[in-house]
N, C-alpha and C. Protein backbone atom coordinates (compact mmCIF):
# COMPACT_ATOMS: atom_id res chain seq x y z
N MET A 1 0.85 -1.18 0.00
CA MET A 1 0.00 0.00 0.00
C MET A 1 0.90 1.24 0.00
N ASN A 2 0.77 2.04 -1.04
CA ASN A 2 1.56 3.25 -1.19
C ASN A 2 0.68 4.43 -0.78
N PRO A 3 1.15 5.34 0.08
CA PRO A 3 0.29 6.44 0.53
C PRO A 3 0.02 7.50 -0.53
N ASP A 4 0.80 7.50 -1.61
CA ASP A 4 0.63 8.48 -2.68
C ASP A 4 0.54 7.75 -4.01
N GLY A 5 -0.12 8.37 -4.97
CA GLY A 5 -0.20 7.75 -6.28
C GLY A 5 -1.18 8.46 -7.18
N ASN A 6 -1.56 7.77 -8.23
CA ASN A 6 -2.50 8.29 -9.21
C ASN A 6 -3.45 7.16 -9.55
N LEU A 7 -4.74 7.42 -9.47
CA LEU A 7 -5.75 6.37 -9.70
C LEU A 7 -5.73 5.83 -11.13
N PHE A 8 -5.16 6.60 -12.06
CA PHE A 8 -5.14 6.18 -13.45
C PHE A 8 -3.78 5.62 -13.88
N ALA A 9 -2.85 5.53 -12.95
CA ALA A 9 -1.51 5.01 -13.26
C ALA A 9 -1.45 3.51 -12.98
N ASN A 10 -0.54 2.85 -13.66
CA ASN A 10 -0.29 1.42 -13.44
C ASN A 10 -1.56 0.57 -13.55
N LEU A 11 -2.35 0.86 -14.55
CA LEU A 11 -3.58 0.07 -14.75
C LEU A 11 -3.20 -1.32 -15.27
N PRO A 12 -3.88 -2.33 -14.76
CA PRO A 12 -3.58 -3.68 -15.23
C PRO A 12 -4.03 -3.86 -16.68
N ALA A 13 -3.41 -4.80 -17.35
CA ALA A 13 -3.80 -5.15 -18.72
C ALA A 13 -5.20 -5.78 -18.69
N LEU A 14 -5.84 -5.83 -19.86
CA LEU A 14 -7.13 -6.51 -19.95
C LEU A 14 -6.98 -7.91 -19.40
N SER A 15 -7.96 -8.35 -18.62
CA SER A 15 -7.84 -9.61 -17.91
C SER A 15 -9.21 -10.25 -17.76
N ASP A 16 -9.20 -11.52 -17.44
CA ASP A 16 -10.45 -12.23 -17.14
C ASP A 16 -10.96 -11.90 -15.75
N ASN A 17 -10.11 -11.28 -14.93
CA ASN A 17 -10.47 -11.00 -13.54
C ASN A 17 -10.42 -9.51 -13.24
N GLU A 18 -11.32 -9.07 -12.37
CA GLU A 18 -11.22 -7.72 -11.86
C GLU A 18 -9.98 -7.63 -10.99
N VAL A 19 -9.42 -6.42 -10.90
CA VAL A 19 -8.23 -6.21 -10.08
C VAL A 19 -8.58 -5.21 -8.98
N PHE A 20 -8.41 -5.65 -7.73
CA PHE A 20 -8.70 -4.83 -6.55
C PHE A 20 -7.36 -4.39 -5.95
N THR A 21 -7.19 -3.07 -5.78
CA THR A 21 -5.96 -2.52 -5.20
C THR A 21 -6.34 -1.72 -3.97
N GLU A 22 -5.88 -2.17 -2.82
CA GLU A 22 -6.14 -1.44 -1.58
C GLU A 22 -5.27 -0.20 -1.55
N LEU A 23 -5.90 0.96 -1.37
CA LEU A 23 -5.17 2.22 -1.36
C LEU A 23 -4.93 2.73 0.06
N LEU A 24 -5.86 2.44 0.96
CA LEU A 24 -5.75 2.88 2.34
C LEU A 24 -6.62 1.97 3.20
N ALA A 25 -6.08 1.59 4.34
CA ALA A 25 -6.86 0.77 5.28
C ALA A 25 -6.55 1.22 6.70
N GLN A 26 -7.61 1.46 7.45
CA GLN A 26 -7.52 1.80 8.86
C GLN A 26 -8.71 1.16 9.53
N PRO A 27 -8.71 1.05 10.84
CA PRO A 27 -9.87 0.44 11.50
C PRO A 27 -11.17 1.15 11.08
N GLY A 28 -12.09 0.37 10.57
CA GLY A 28 -13.39 0.90 10.15
C GLY A 28 -13.41 1.59 8.81
N LEU A 29 -12.29 1.55 8.06
CA LEU A 29 -12.22 2.24 6.77
C LEU A 29 -11.27 1.50 5.83
N ARG A 30 -11.73 1.30 4.60
CA ARG A 30 -10.88 0.70 3.56
C ARG A 30 -11.23 1.37 2.24
N ILE A 31 -10.20 1.85 1.53
CA ILE A 31 -10.40 2.49 0.23
C ILE A 31 -9.67 1.65 -0.81
N GLU A 32 -10.38 1.34 -1.90
CA GLU A 32 -9.75 0.52 -2.93
C GLU A 32 -10.11 1.01 -4.31
N ARG A 33 -9.20 0.74 -5.24
CA ARG A 33 -9.47 0.97 -6.66
C ARG A 33 -9.82 -0.39 -7.23
N ILE A 34 -10.87 -0.41 -8.04
CA ILE A 34 -11.29 -1.64 -8.70
C ILE A 34 -11.21 -1.37 -10.20
N VAL A 35 -10.54 -2.26 -10.92
CA VAL A 35 -10.44 -2.14 -12.37
C VAL A 35 -11.16 -3.33 -12.98
N SER A 36 -12.18 -3.04 -13.78
CA SER A 36 -12.97 -4.06 -14.46
C SER A 36 -12.76 -3.94 -15.96
N THR A 37 -12.80 -5.07 -16.65
CA THR A 37 -12.67 -5.06 -18.11
C THR A 37 -13.68 -6.00 -18.72
N GLY A 38 -14.94 -5.80 -18.34
CA GLY A 38 -16.01 -6.64 -18.87
C GLY A 38 -16.58 -7.63 -17.88
N GLN A 39 -16.10 -7.61 -16.65
CA GLN A 39 -16.58 -8.56 -15.65
C GLN A 39 -17.96 -8.17 -15.13
N SER A 40 -18.62 -9.16 -14.56
CA SER A 40 -19.89 -8.97 -13.86
C SER A 40 -19.95 -9.98 -12.73
N SER A 41 -20.90 -9.79 -11.84
CA SER A 41 -21.09 -10.76 -10.76
C SER A 41 -21.59 -12.07 -11.35
N PRO A 42 -21.23 -13.20 -10.75
CA PRO A 42 -21.75 -14.49 -11.24
C PRO A 42 -23.28 -14.51 -11.19
N PRO A 43 -23.91 -15.31 -12.05
CA PRO A 43 -25.37 -15.41 -12.03
C PRO A 43 -25.87 -15.79 -10.63
N ASP A 44 -26.93 -15.15 -10.20
CA ASP A 44 -27.58 -15.41 -8.91
C ASP A 44 -26.70 -15.08 -7.71
N PHE A 45 -25.59 -14.35 -7.89
CA PHE A 45 -24.74 -13.95 -6.78
C PHE A 45 -25.09 -12.53 -6.37
N TRP A 46 -25.18 -12.30 -5.06
CA TRP A 46 -25.43 -10.96 -4.52
C TRP A 46 -24.42 -10.67 -3.43
N TYR A 47 -23.80 -9.49 -3.49
CA TYR A 47 -22.97 -9.04 -2.37
C TYR A 47 -23.89 -8.72 -1.21
N ASP A 48 -23.49 -9.09 -0.02
CA ASP A 48 -24.21 -8.78 1.21
C ASP A 48 -23.14 -8.49 2.25
N GLN A 49 -22.66 -7.26 2.26
CA GLN A 49 -21.48 -6.88 3.03
C GLN A 49 -21.85 -6.37 4.41
N ALA A 50 -21.00 -6.66 5.39
CA ALA A 50 -21.21 -6.21 6.76
C ALA A 50 -20.95 -4.71 6.91
N GLU A 51 -20.11 -4.14 6.01
CA GLU A 51 -19.81 -2.71 6.08
C GLU A 51 -20.60 -1.97 4.99
N SER A 52 -20.73 -0.67 5.19
CA SER A 52 -21.34 0.17 4.17
C SER A 52 -20.28 0.49 3.13
N GLU A 53 -20.73 0.94 1.96
CA GLU A 53 -19.81 1.24 0.87
C GLU A 53 -20.31 2.45 0.11
N TRP A 54 -19.37 3.31 -0.26
CA TRP A 54 -19.64 4.42 -1.16
C TRP A 54 -18.74 4.19 -2.36
N VAL A 55 -19.32 4.16 -3.55
CA VAL A 55 -18.55 3.86 -4.75
C VAL A 55 -18.82 4.92 -5.81
N VAL A 56 -17.74 5.30 -6.52
CA VAL A 56 -17.86 6.25 -7.63
C VAL A 56 -17.21 5.61 -8.85
N LEU A 57 -17.87 5.77 -9.99
CA LEU A 57 -17.31 5.28 -11.25
C LEU A 57 -16.46 6.41 -11.85
N LEU A 58 -15.18 6.15 -12.03
CA LEU A 58 -14.26 7.17 -12.54
C LEU A 58 -14.08 7.11 -14.04
N GLN A 59 -14.18 5.92 -14.61
CA GLN A 59 -13.95 5.73 -16.05
C GLN A 59 -14.74 4.51 -16.48
N GLY A 60 -15.26 4.55 -17.69
CA GLY A 60 -15.97 3.41 -18.25
C GLY A 60 -17.47 3.51 -18.04
N GLU A 61 -18.08 2.35 -17.94
CA GLU A 61 -19.53 2.27 -17.78
C GLU A 61 -19.86 0.97 -17.07
N ALA A 62 -20.91 0.99 -16.26
CA ALA A 62 -21.29 -0.21 -15.52
C ALA A 62 -22.79 -0.22 -15.29
N GLN A 63 -23.30 -1.40 -15.03
CA GLN A 63 -24.69 -1.59 -14.62
C GLN A 63 -24.64 -2.19 -13.21
N LEU A 64 -25.21 -1.49 -12.24
CA LEU A 64 -25.23 -1.94 -10.85
C LEU A 64 -26.67 -2.27 -10.49
N ARG A 65 -26.87 -3.42 -9.89
CA ARG A 65 -28.23 -3.88 -9.59
C ARG A 65 -28.39 -4.08 -8.10
N PHE A 66 -29.54 -3.67 -7.57
CA PHE A 66 -29.89 -3.88 -6.17
C PHE A 66 -31.07 -4.85 -6.10
N ALA A 67 -31.05 -5.73 -5.12
CA ALA A 67 -32.10 -6.73 -4.98
C ALA A 67 -33.46 -6.09 -4.73
N ASP A 68 -33.47 -4.89 -4.15
CA ASP A 68 -34.74 -4.24 -3.81
C ASP A 68 -35.21 -3.24 -4.88
N GLU A 69 -34.59 -3.28 -6.06
CA GLU A 69 -35.01 -2.43 -7.17
C GLU A 69 -35.34 -3.29 -8.38
N GLU A 70 -36.24 -2.81 -9.23
CA GLU A 70 -36.69 -3.60 -10.38
C GLU A 70 -35.63 -3.85 -11.43
N GLY A 71 -34.83 -2.86 -11.71
CA GLY A 71 -33.84 -3.01 -12.78
C GLY A 71 -32.51 -2.43 -12.39
N PRO A 72 -31.50 -2.64 -13.24
CA PRO A 72 -30.16 -2.13 -12.93
C PRO A 72 -30.07 -0.62 -13.13
N ARG A 73 -29.08 -0.04 -12.45
CA ARG A 73 -28.76 1.37 -12.62
C ARG A 73 -27.56 1.46 -13.55
N ARG A 74 -27.65 2.33 -14.52
CA ARG A 74 -26.52 2.57 -15.42
C ARG A 74 -25.63 3.63 -14.78
N LEU A 75 -24.36 3.31 -14.62
CA LEU A 75 -23.41 4.26 -14.05
C LEU A 75 -22.44 4.72 -15.13
N LEU A 76 -22.24 6.02 -15.18
CA LEU A 76 -21.29 6.65 -16.09
C LEU A 76 -20.25 7.38 -15.26
N PRO A 77 -19.14 7.81 -15.86
CA PRO A 77 -18.11 8.50 -15.09
C PRO A 77 -18.68 9.66 -14.26
N GLY A 78 -18.32 9.66 -12.99
CA GLY A 78 -18.79 10.68 -12.06
C GLY A 78 -19.98 10.24 -11.23
N ASP A 79 -20.69 9.19 -11.65
CA ASP A 79 -21.83 8.71 -10.86
C ASP A 79 -21.35 7.99 -9.62
N PHE A 80 -22.01 8.25 -8.51
CA PHE A 80 -21.66 7.58 -7.26
C PHE A 80 -22.90 7.06 -6.57
N VAL A 81 -22.70 6.06 -5.72
CA VAL A 81 -23.80 5.38 -5.03
C VAL A 81 -23.35 5.05 -3.61
N ALA A 82 -24.22 5.31 -2.64
CA ALA A 82 -24.00 4.87 -1.26
C ALA A 82 -24.77 3.57 -1.07
N ILE A 83 -24.09 2.55 -0.58
CA ILE A 83 -24.68 1.23 -0.39
C ILE A 83 -24.65 0.90 1.09
N ALA A 84 -25.80 0.82 1.70
CA ALA A 84 -25.89 0.52 3.13
C ALA A 84 -25.42 -0.92 3.39
N ALA A 85 -24.90 -1.13 4.58
CA ALA A 85 -24.50 -2.48 4.98
C ALA A 85 -25.67 -3.44 4.78
N HIS A 86 -25.38 -4.60 4.27
CA HIS A 86 -26.34 -5.69 4.04
C HIS A 86 -27.39 -5.38 2.97
N ARG A 87 -27.20 -4.30 2.20
CA ARG A 87 -28.09 -4.08 1.06
C ARG A 87 -27.54 -4.91 -0.09
N ARG A 88 -28.31 -5.90 -0.48
CA ARG A 88 -27.85 -6.85 -1.50
C ARG A 88 -27.73 -6.15 -2.85
N HIS A 89 -26.57 -6.35 -3.49
CA HIS A 89 -26.31 -5.72 -4.79
C HIS A 89 -25.36 -6.59 -5.60
N ARG A 90 -25.28 -6.29 -6.88
CA ARG A 90 -24.41 -7.04 -7.79
C ARG A 90 -24.02 -6.15 -8.97
N VAL A 91 -22.94 -6.50 -9.62
CA VAL A 91 -22.53 -5.82 -10.84
C VAL A 91 -23.13 -6.61 -12.00
N GLU A 92 -24.08 -6.00 -12.69
CA GLU A 92 -24.71 -6.65 -13.84
C GLU A 92 -23.76 -6.71 -15.02
N SER A 93 -23.00 -5.61 -15.24
CA SER A 93 -22.06 -5.62 -16.36
C SER A 93 -21.11 -4.45 -16.26
N THR A 94 -19.96 -4.62 -16.90
CA THR A 94 -19.03 -3.53 -17.20
C THR A 94 -18.69 -3.70 -18.68
N LEU A 95 -18.11 -2.68 -19.28
CA LEU A 95 -17.86 -2.72 -20.72
C LEU A 95 -16.79 -3.75 -21.07
N LEU A 96 -17.14 -4.68 -21.93
CA LEU A 96 -16.24 -5.73 -22.36
C LEU A 96 -15.08 -5.14 -23.15
N GLY A 97 -13.86 -5.50 -22.76
CA GLY A 97 -12.69 -5.07 -23.50
C GLY A 97 -12.29 -3.62 -23.27
N GLN A 98 -12.96 -2.95 -22.36
CA GLN A 98 -12.61 -1.57 -22.02
C GLN A 98 -12.33 -1.49 -20.53
N THR A 99 -11.55 -0.51 -20.14
CA THR A 99 -11.19 -0.36 -18.73
C THR A 99 -12.23 0.48 -18.00
N THR A 100 -12.81 -0.11 -16.97
CA THR A 100 -13.72 0.59 -16.08
C THR A 100 -13.03 0.71 -14.74
N ILE A 101 -12.97 1.93 -14.21
CA ILE A 101 -12.28 2.19 -12.95
C ILE A 101 -13.29 2.68 -11.91
N TRP A 102 -13.29 2.00 -10.77
CA TRP A 102 -14.14 2.35 -9.64
C TRP A 102 -13.25 2.81 -8.48
N LEU A 103 -13.76 3.68 -7.65
CA LEU A 103 -13.15 3.99 -6.35
C LEU A 103 -14.19 3.61 -5.32
N ALA A 104 -13.84 2.67 -4.45
CA ALA A 104 -14.77 2.18 -3.43
C ALA A 104 -14.26 2.52 -2.05
N ILE A 105 -15.13 3.07 -1.24
CA ILE A 105 -14.81 3.37 0.16
C ILE A 105 -15.72 2.52 1.02
N HIS A 106 -15.12 1.61 1.77
CA HIS A 106 -15.85 0.73 2.68
C HIS A 106 -15.68 1.29 4.08
N TYR A 107 -16.76 1.39 4.82
CA TYR A 107 -16.67 1.97 6.17
C TYR A 107 -17.62 1.25 7.11
N ALA A 108 -17.30 1.33 8.39
CA ALA A 108 -18.09 0.63 9.40
C ALA A 108 -19.52 1.18 9.39
N ALA A 109 -20.46 0.25 9.44
CA ALA A 109 -21.88 0.64 9.45
C ALA A 109 -22.19 1.32 10.79
N PRO A 110 -22.98 2.39 10.75
CA PRO A 110 -23.32 3.07 12.01
C PRO A 110 -24.20 2.21 12.90
């Protein structure tokens, strides 16, 4: 974990896997960069996290789905979402063959 850097530097090559890079971690707080290149959550899989999360899409495009909503939300650069702890959600899609960059802040639920 490097205390300084650039979110757009050292991007991984196109891959079959998302790449998670922890940028900062302290008790009750974790900040990570996520790089997607066409990945999505597995079918019928839902994240159900103990901590809350605030996520912003910095580059690319994604479809984020919540179990309590009818359809997915389309996220474009600059869009952000606060996700309460235990709110079930999934990544429906990211752009295939293109780099999508997320900044995720995980924090202790109040």
